Amino acid sequence: MIERTIDIKNRLSRREFLRLAAGTGAACSIPLFRPVLHAAAIEEKFVKEARYYERLPEKKVICKLCPHECRVADLERGTCGVRENRGGTYYTLVYGNPCSAGIDPIEKKPLFHYYPATTSFSVATAGCNFVCRFCQNWEISQKRPEQVKSTELFPQDLIRLAEARSCKTVAHTYSEPVVFFEYMLACAAEGKKKGIPNVMISNGYINEKPMRELCKYLGAVKIDLKAFTEKFYKEQCAGTLKPVLDTLLVLKDEGIWFEIVDLIIPTLNDSKREIETMSRWIVKELGPDVPVHFSRYYPTFMLKNIPPTPPATLHRCRKIARDSGVKFAYIGNLLSDAENTYCPGCHKLLIERMRYVTNTIGMKGNRCKYCDEKIPGYFL
């Protein structure tokens, strides 16, 4: 499901945002907002020494956060644009400095088996370690922090604000949370202490060690498996496939809940062979219980010459996945009963979804109320 980051009609006022951030205001129902509290300039309070880098001679550094492993000279930045070498010390420039925030249904991430029908307080900073030609949120993901308007929201304030708004979770989303790793890690640790799980909505392009550290504090992860060929990743994302598969294997090994999204783009990643190969790999390496979402593409950013994905293509992909053994295959960005969750045992409707309206009509805790089949995931 496509995530949108701006709704002018529903922006919070400066005064209301500050009151809620201080924990003194009532939680009113506003579905999405993007607070803008200062000019687009990097302030020192948002600059923090980065984790996962090594110093090199001549004041150079090598970043060890993601598989790009950028070698960065003094006063230069890595591929993501939000991490800077200052005299041989590497810094993140966006700690506590989100440029987008909003309250979303958890289904919008999409996470269908992680506390369905609840809301998630969602934040993002500028930057990304991919350049996806079809990015829906390129206005922030492909920008440096100086190029977007942003606000101050440090981890304790974020968790307090999510609690004030009665959000079950906090989501790191919209852009690419790997690039604001330090901020996400601190928020997740604070959320774990306060009983508000954090979720990571990511492209999965992260090295093993930082991913394993995150897993100690996160509640769930959604990974965009953008295709199942190195050619697609190279030409359409400026990345590589194998590190994403490695991340998925790490998530399985860590035992954290995760779901997968595959944005289906006609002629680029929708072949029968590719979907079969991907689905069989998922079932064999990750297990049949991992939810897989086939999402509809719409022309945007640098990829506008391909029309939207035909509904029939999405249904074909879903059928291939199910025939390959995926128990929970969904369709996103398209109004369809393929958004619903059905019991793999008795096949009755358990969770009904229409866009972001969700009804858990057939669940009793984490089981089917009709046949007592255990449904994988986390349910209220």
Protein backbone atom coordinates (compact mmCIF):
# COMPACT_ATOMS: atom_id res chain seq x y z
CA MET A 1 0.00 0.00 0.00
CA ILE A 2 1.36 3.40 -0.96
CA GLU A 3 2.18 5.63 1.96
CA ARG A 4 1.47 9.34 1.59
CA THR A 5 3.24 11.78 3.86
CA ILE A 6 1.39 15.09 3.52
CA ASP A 7 -2.20 16.14 4.11
CA ILE A 8 -2.42 19.91 4.36
CA LYS A 9 -5.95 19.88 5.79
CA ASN A 10 -4.87 17.73 8.71
CA ARG A 11 -1.67 19.43 9.80
CA LEU A 12 -1.30 20.12 13.48
CA SER A 13 -0.77 23.67 14.60
CA ARG A 14 2.60 24.55 16.11
CA ARG A 15 0.98 25.17 19.50
CA GLU A 16 -0.91 21.87 19.53
CA PHE A 17 2.15 19.90 18.46
CA LEU A 18 4.29 21.41 21.19
CA ARG A 19 1.58 20.83 23.78
CA LEU A 20 1.26 17.16 22.81
CA ALA A 21 5.02 16.72 22.65
CA ALA A 22 5.19 17.96 26.21
CA GLY A 23 2.53 15.44 27.21
CA THR A 24 0.05 18.11 28.36
CA GLY A 25 -2.56 18.00 25.64
CA ALA A 26 -5.44 15.71 24.85
CA ALA A 27 -5.05 13.28 21.97
CA CYS A 28 -7.34 14.53 19.23
CA SER A 29 -8.14 12.51 16.13
CA ILE A 30 -6.12 13.82 13.22
CA PRO A 31 -5.12 11.12 10.76
CA LEU A 32 -2.00 12.71 9.29
CA PHE A 33 0.15 15.74 9.83
CA ARG A 34 3.50 17.15 8.91
CA PRO A 35 4.72 19.62 11.53
CA VAL A 36 7.06 22.35 10.31
CA LEU A 37 8.69 24.17 13.20
CA HIS A 38 11.95 25.56 11.89
CA ALA A 39 13.70 26.49 8.67
CA ALA A 40 15.44 23.78 6.67
CA ALA A 41 18.88 24.07 8.26
CA ILE A 42 20.98 21.57 10.16
CA GLU A 43 21.28 22.50 13.82
CA GLU A 44 24.00 21.02 16.00
CA LYS A 45 21.46 19.48 18.37
CA PHE A 46 20.49 17.08 15.55
CA VAL A 47 24.11 16.08 14.88
CA LYS A 48 25.28 12.93 16.64
CA GLU A 49 28.24 10.66 16.11
CA ALA A 50 27.22 7.77 13.90
CA ARG A 51 27.50 4.13 14.77
CA TYR A 52 29.01 1.47 12.52
CA TYR A 53 31.89 3.20 10.78
CA GLU A 54 35.66 2.86 10.74
CA ARG A 55 38.29 5.57 10.59
CA LEU A 56 40.78 5.51 7.72
CA PRO A 57 44.01 7.45 7.09
CA GLU A 58 43.84 11.07 5.92
CA LYS A 59 40.67 11.77 7.90
CA LYS A 60 38.62 9.42 5.72
CA VAL A 61 35.99 6.98 7.02
CA ILE A 62 34.22 3.90 5.74
CA CYS A 63 30.58 3.47 6.70
CA LYS A 64 29.64 -0.01 7.88
CA LEU A 65 25.92 0.57 8.28
CA CYS A 66 24.69 -0.59 4.88
CA PRO A 67 26.13 -2.69 2.04
CA HIS A 68 27.22 0.40 0.08
CA GLU A 69 30.02 0.78 2.66
CA CYS A 70 30.73 4.30 1.43
CA ARG A 71 34.29 5.59 1.70
CA VAL A 72 33.84 9.21 2.68
CA ALA A 73 36.46 11.92 2.59
CA ASP A 74 36.61 14.76 5.09
CA LEU A 75 33.64 17.17 4.78
CA GLU A 76 31.84 14.80 2.41
CA ARG A 77 28.72 12.66 2.86
CA GLY A 78 27.73 9.12 2.07
CA THR A 79 25.25 7.99 -0.57
CA CYS A 80 22.31 8.60 1.78
CA GLY A 81 23.12 12.31 2.09
CA VAL A 82 22.46 12.44 5.84
CA ARG A 83 25.76 11.16 7.25
CA GLU A 84 28.81 13.42 7.13
CA ASN A 85 32.52 13.07 7.78
CA ARG A 86 33.84 15.90 9.93
CA GLY A 87 37.56 15.65 10.44
CA GLY A 88 37.59 11.85 10.47
CA THR A 89 34.55 11.43 12.71
CA TYR A 90 31.31 10.32 11.07
CA TYR A 91 28.06 11.95 12.09
CA THR A 92 24.35 11.52 11.48
CA LEU A 93 22.71 14.87 10.75
CA VAL A 94 19.10 13.89 11.43
CA TYR A 95 18.97 12.58 15.01
CA GLY A 96 15.64 13.71 16.49
CA ASN A 97 14.90 15.69 13.33
CA PRO A 98 11.98 14.12 11.39
CA CYS A 99 10.65 15.86 8.30
CA SER A 100 7.41 13.89 8.20
CA ALA A 101 5.12 12.54 10.89
CA GLY A 102 1.60 11.20 11.00
CA ILE A 103 -0.82 8.73 12.51
CA ASP A 104 -1.57 5.81 10.21
CA PRO A 105 -3.42 2.52 10.40
CA ILE A 106 -0.86 -0.23 10.85
CA GLU A 107 -2.33 -1.77 7.69
CA LYS A 108 -0.87 1.14 5.70
CA LYS A 109 2.71 0.02 6.34
CA PRO A 110 1.52 -2.64 5.37
CA LEU A 111 1.63 -4.95 8.38
CA PHE A 112 -1.45 -7.20 8.36
CA HIS A 113 -0.49 -9.62 11.13
CA TYR A 114 0.88 -7.16 13.67
CA TYR A 115 -1.85 -5.75 15.87
CA PRO A 116 -4.37 -5.22 13.05
CA ALA A 117 -6.93 -2.41 13.39
CA THR A 118 -4.54 -0.32 15.52
CA THR A 119 -2.78 2.93 14.72
CA SER A 120 0.92 3.68 14.39
CA PHE A 121 2.64 6.99 14.98
CA SER A 122 4.82 7.29 11.88
CA VAL A 123 8.00 9.33 11.40
CA ALA A 124 10.69 9.83 8.79
CA THR A 125 13.76 11.93 8.20
CA ALA A 126 15.21 12.93 4.86
CA GLY A 127 17.40 10.49 2.96
CA CYS A 128 17.65 6.99 1.52
CA ASN A 129 20.38 4.55 0.54
CA PHE A 130 18.53 3.60 -2.67
CA VAL A 131 17.48 5.67 -5.66
CA CYS A 132 14.34 3.82 -6.74
CA ARG A 133 13.08 5.23 -10.01
CA PHE A 134 9.50 4.52 -8.91
CA CYS A 135 9.72 5.98 -5.39
CA GLN A 136 6.38 7.24 -4.08
CA ASN A 137 8.00 9.46 -1.43
CA TRP A 138 10.89 10.85 -3.42
CA GLU A 139 10.17 14.38 -2.15
CA ILE A 140 11.81 13.39 1.15
CA SER A 141 13.74 10.19 0.41
CA GLN A 142 15.84 11.79 -2.32
CA LYS A 143 16.55 14.99 -0.41
CA ARG A 144 19.25 16.10 1.98
CA PRO A 145 18.16 17.39 5.39
CA GLU A 146 18.79 21.01 4.34
CA GLN A 147 16.29 20.61 1.50
CA VAL A 148 13.24 19.71 3.58
CA LYS A 149 11.40 21.38 6.41
CA SER A 150 11.57 19.42 9.60
CA THR A 151 11.02 19.56 13.33
CA GLU A 152 12.52 18.60 16.68
CA LEU A 153 11.23 15.33 18.06
CA PHE A 154 13.69 13.41 20.21
CA PRO A 155 13.03 9.78 21.23
CA GLN A 156 11.40 10.40 24.64
CA ASP A 157 9.14 13.08 23.17
CA LEU A 158 8.20 10.84 20.24
CA ILE A 159 7.17 7.97 22.50
CA ARG A 160 5.28 10.33 24.79
CA LEU A 161 3.46 11.82 21.82
CA ALA A 162 2.56 8.37 20.46
CA GLU A 163 1.21 7.44 23.89
CA ALA A 164 -0.81 10.68 24.06
CA ARG A 165 -2.36 9.81 20.71
CA SER A 166 -3.21 6.25 21.84
CA CYS A 167 -1.01 4.71 19.16
CA LYS A 168 -0.16 1.05 19.66
CA THR A 169 3.15 1.38 17.80
CA VAL A 170 5.68 3.80 16.36
CA ALA A 171 6.66 3.26 12.72
CA HIS A 172 9.90 4.35 11.07
CA THR A 173 8.74 4.70 7.51
CA TYR A 174 8.07 6.93 4.45
CA SER A 175 11.77 7.37 3.56
CA GLU A 176 14.42 4.76 4.53
CA PRO A 177 14.92 4.27 8.27
CA VAL A 178 18.28 2.54 7.81
CA VAL A 179 19.81 5.96 7.13
CA PHE A 180 18.50 7.35 10.43
CA PHE A 181 19.59 4.24 12.28
CA GLU A 182 20.72 5.97 15.48
CA TYR A 183 17.42 7.81 15.87
CA MET A 184 15.36 4.69 15.16
CA LEU A 185 17.43 2.60 17.57
CA ALA A 186 17.00 5.10 20.40
CA CYS A 187 13.26 5.42 19.74
CA ALA A 188 12.86 1.64 19.67
CA ALA A 189 14.75 1.27 22.94
CA GLU A 190 12.62 3.97 24.57
CA GLY A 191 9.45 2.46 23.17
CA LYS A 192 10.34 -0.97 24.48
CA LYS A 193 10.72 0.49 27.98
CA LYS A 194 7.33 2.20 27.71
CA GLY A 195 5.45 -0.69 26.11
CA ILE A 196 5.11 0.95 22.69
CA PRO A 197 6.77 -1.31 20.08
CA ASN A 198 8.59 0.29 17.17
CA VAL A 199 8.35 -1.11 13.65
CA MET A 200 10.79 -0.65 10.78
CA ILE A 201 9.42 -0.18 7.25
CA SER A 202 12.49 -0.69 5.12
CA ASN A 203 14.16 -1.73 1.89
CA GLY A 204 16.27 -4.15 3.95
CA TYR A 205 19.56 -2.75 2.67
CA ILE A 206 21.48 -2.94 5.93
CA ASN A 207 24.47 -4.90 7.17
CA GLU A 208 24.00 -7.86 9.48
CA LYS A 209 25.47 -6.45 12.69
CA PRO A 210 23.32 -3.29 12.88
CA MET A 211 20.23 -5.28 11.86
CA ARG A 212 20.77 -7.74 14.67
CA GLU A 213 21.19 -4.89 17.14
CA LEU A 214 17.89 -3.38 15.98
CA CYS A 215 16.12 -6.70 16.42
CA LYS A 216 16.75 -6.51 20.18
CA TYR A 217 14.42 -3.52 20.38
CA LEU A 218 12.04 -3.55 17.40
CA GLY A 219 8.64 -5.18 17.47
CA ALA A 220 8.27 -5.95 13.76
CA VAL A 221 9.78 -5.26 10.34
CA LYS A 222 8.35 -4.87 6.85
CA ILE A 223 10.79 -5.41 3.99
CA ASP A 224 10.29 -4.24 0.42
CA LEU A 225 11.56 -7.09 -1.71
CA LYS A 226 11.50 -4.98 -4.84
CA ALA A 227 12.21 -7.79 -7.28
CA PHE A 228 14.04 -11.10 -7.42
CA THR A 229 16.77 -10.23 -9.92
CA GLU A 230 20.04 -8.39 -9.54
CA LYS A 231 19.32 -6.67 -12.86
CA PHE A 232 16.24 -4.94 -11.44
CA TYR A 233 18.03 -3.83 -8.29
CA LYS A 234 20.95 -2.43 -10.26
CA GLU A 235 18.93 -0.64 -12.94
CA GLN A 236 15.90 0.50 -10.97
CA CYS A 237 17.20 0.99 -7.40
CA ALA A 238 20.98 1.54 -7.57
CA GLY A 239 21.41 -1.39 -5.20
CA THR A 240 21.81 -5.16 -5.10
CA LEU A 241 19.45 -8.02 -4.24
CA LYS A 242 21.61 -10.36 -2.16
CA PRO A 243 21.98 -8.10 0.91
CA VAL A 244 18.19 -7.80 1.09
CA LEU A 245 17.82 -11.57 1.05
CA ASP A 246 20.49 -11.77 3.73
CA THR A 247 18.50 -9.33 5.87
CA LEU A 248 15.40 -11.49 5.52
CA LEU A 249 17.41 -14.49 6.70
CA VAL A 250 18.66 -12.48 9.69
CA LEU A 251 15.08 -11.55 10.61
CA LYS A 252 14.06 -15.19 10.52
CA ASP A 253 17.06 -16.18 12.60
CA GLU A 254 16.29 -13.47 15.18
CA GLY A 255 12.67 -14.61 15.46
CA ILE A 256 11.25 -11.13 14.92
CA TRP A 257 7.88 -10.72 13.16
CA PHE A 258 8.26 -9.55 9.56
CA GLU A 259 6.24 -9.23 6.37
CA ILE A 260 7.27 -8.73 2.74
CA VAL A 261 6.00 -6.38 0.05
CA ASP A 262 6.67 -6.77 -3.66
CA LEU A 263 5.66 -3.77 -5.79
CA ILE A 264 4.70 -5.30 -9.13
CA ILE A 265 5.81 -3.19 -12.10
CA PRO A 266 4.63 -4.44 -15.51
CA THR A 267 7.42 -5.80 -17.74
CA LEU A 268 10.09 -5.22 -15.09
CA ASN A 269 9.44 -7.72 -12.28
CA ASP A 270 6.10 -9.41 -13.05
CA SER A 271 7.11 -12.51 -15.01
CA LYS A 272 5.67 -15.86 -13.98
CA ARG A 273 9.15 -17.31 -13.60
CA GLU A 274 10.35 -14.52 -11.31
CA ILE A 275 7.30 -14.67 -9.05
CA GLU A 276 7.56 -18.46 -8.83
CA THR A 277 11.27 -18.32 -8.03
CA MET A 278 10.76 -15.67 -5.37
CA SER A 279 7.78 -17.44 -3.78
CA ARG A 280 9.56 -20.77 -3.61
CA TRP A 281 12.61 -19.10 -2.03
CA ILE A 282 10.40 -17.45 0.59
CA VAL A 283 8.68 -20.70 1.49
CA LYS A 284 11.92 -22.70 1.60
CA GLU A 285 14.16 -20.16 3.38
CA LEU A 286 11.71 -18.12 5.47
CA GLY A 287 8.69 -20.39 5.87
CA PRO A 288 5.13 -20.47 4.53
CA ASP A 289 3.72 -18.27 7.31
CA VAL A 290 5.46 -15.04 6.20
CA PRO A 291 2.80 -12.70 4.75
CA VAL A 292 3.61 -11.53 1.22
CA HIS A 293 1.92 -8.44 -0.23
CA PHE A 294 1.79 -7.88 -3.99
CA SER A 295 1.31 -4.16 -4.39
CA ARG A 296 0.03 -2.17 -7.34
CA TYR A 297 2.46 0.22 -8.99
CA TYR A 298 1.48 3.70 -10.16
CA PRO A 299 3.66 5.92 -12.42
CA THR A 300 5.71 8.43 -10.44
CA PHE A 301 9.13 10.09 -10.00
CA MET A 302 11.46 8.87 -12.78
CA LEU A 303 9.29 5.98 -13.95
CA LYS A 304 6.24 7.43 -15.66
CA ASN A 305 6.25 5.61 -18.98
CA ILE A 306 4.77 2.36 -17.63
CA PRO A 307 1.02 2.28 -16.88
CA PRO A 308 -0.38 1.09 -13.53
CA THR A 309 -0.27 -2.61 -12.81
CA PRO A 310 -3.35 -4.37 -14.20
CA PRO A 311 -5.45 -5.98 -11.45
CA ALA A 312 -5.26 -9.31 -13.28
CA THR A 313 -1.48 -9.28 -12.96
CA LEU A 314 -1.68 -8.84 -9.19
CA HIS A 315 -4.19 -11.66 -8.84
CA ARG A 316 -1.94 -13.87 -10.98
CA CYS A 317 1.05 -13.13 -8.74
CA ARG A 318 -1.00 -13.90 -5.66
CA LYS A 319 -2.14 -17.22 -7.11
CA ILE A 320 1.43 -18.19 -8.00
CA ALA A 321 2.54 -17.42 -4.43
CA ARG A 322 -0.30 -19.44 -2.92
CA ASP A 323 0.34 -22.34 -5.28
CA SER A 324 3.99 -22.20 -4.19
CA GLY A 325 3.01 -22.61 -0.55
CA VAL A 326 2.67 -19.03 0.76
CA LYS A 327 -0.23 -19.21 3.21
CA PHE A 328 -0.90 -15.49 3.48
CA ALA A 329 -0.62 -13.75 0.11
CA TYR A 330 -2.25 -10.33 -0.23
CA ILE A 331 -2.85 -7.65 -2.82
CA GLY A 332 -2.22 -3.98 -2.00
CA ASN A 333 -3.10 -0.61 -3.56
CA LEU A 334 -6.21 -2.20 -5.05
CA LEU A 335 -9.66 -2.58 -3.53
CA SER A 336 -10.12 -6.35 -3.43
CA ASP A 337 -11.09 -9.21 -1.15
CA ALA A 338 -7.45 -10.26 -1.53
CA GLU A 339 -6.75 -7.78 1.29
CA ASN A 340 -8.66 -10.05 3.69
CA THR A 341 -7.13 -12.69 5.93
CA TYR A 342 -8.61 -16.18 5.64
CA CYS A 343 -7.94 -19.14 7.89
CA PRO A 344 -5.54 -21.59 6.21
CA GLY A 345 -7.36 -24.40 8.02
CA CYS A 346 -11.09 -23.88 7.48
CA HIS A 347 -10.76 -21.03 4.93
CA LYS A 348 -13.26 -18.80 6.70
CA LEU A 349 -12.90 -15.01 6.78
CA LEU A 350 -10.92 -13.88 9.83
CA ILE A 351 -9.98 -10.25 9.16
CA GLU A 352 -11.92 -8.13 6.72
CA ARG A 353 -10.23 -5.09 5.18
CA MET A 354 -11.58 -2.37 2.94
CA ARG A 355 -8.78 0.11 2.33
CA TYR A 356 -7.81 1.02 5.88
CA VAL A 357 -11.02 -0.05 7.59
CA THR A 358 -10.28 -3.33 9.36
CA ASN A 359 -12.63 -5.70 11.18
CA THR A 360 -11.25 -8.72 13.03
CA ILE A 361 -14.47 -10.67 12.76
CA GLY A 362 -13.15 -14.23 12.92
CA MET A 363 -10.34 -14.00 15.44
CA LYS A 364 -10.25 -15.13 19.04
CA GLY A 365 -6.91 -13.87 20.28
CA ASN A 366 -4.38 -15.34 17.88
CA ARG A 367 -6.64 -18.18 16.75
CA CYS A 368 -9.44 -18.78 14.29
CA LYS A 369 -12.65 -18.73 16.29
CA TYR A 370 -14.19 -21.32 13.99
CA CYS A 371 -11.59 -24.11 13.96
CA ASP A 372 -9.02 -22.94 16.55
CA GLU A 373 -6.21 -22.78 13.97
CA LYS A 374 -3.32 -20.68 15.27
CA ILE A 375 -2.72 -17.67 13.06
CA PRO A 376 0.90 -16.44 12.92
CA GLY A 377 1.48 -12.87 14.04
CA TYR A 378 0.52 -10.61 16.92
CA PHE A 379 -3.13 -9.92 17.68
CA LEU A 380 -5.00 -8.13 20.45
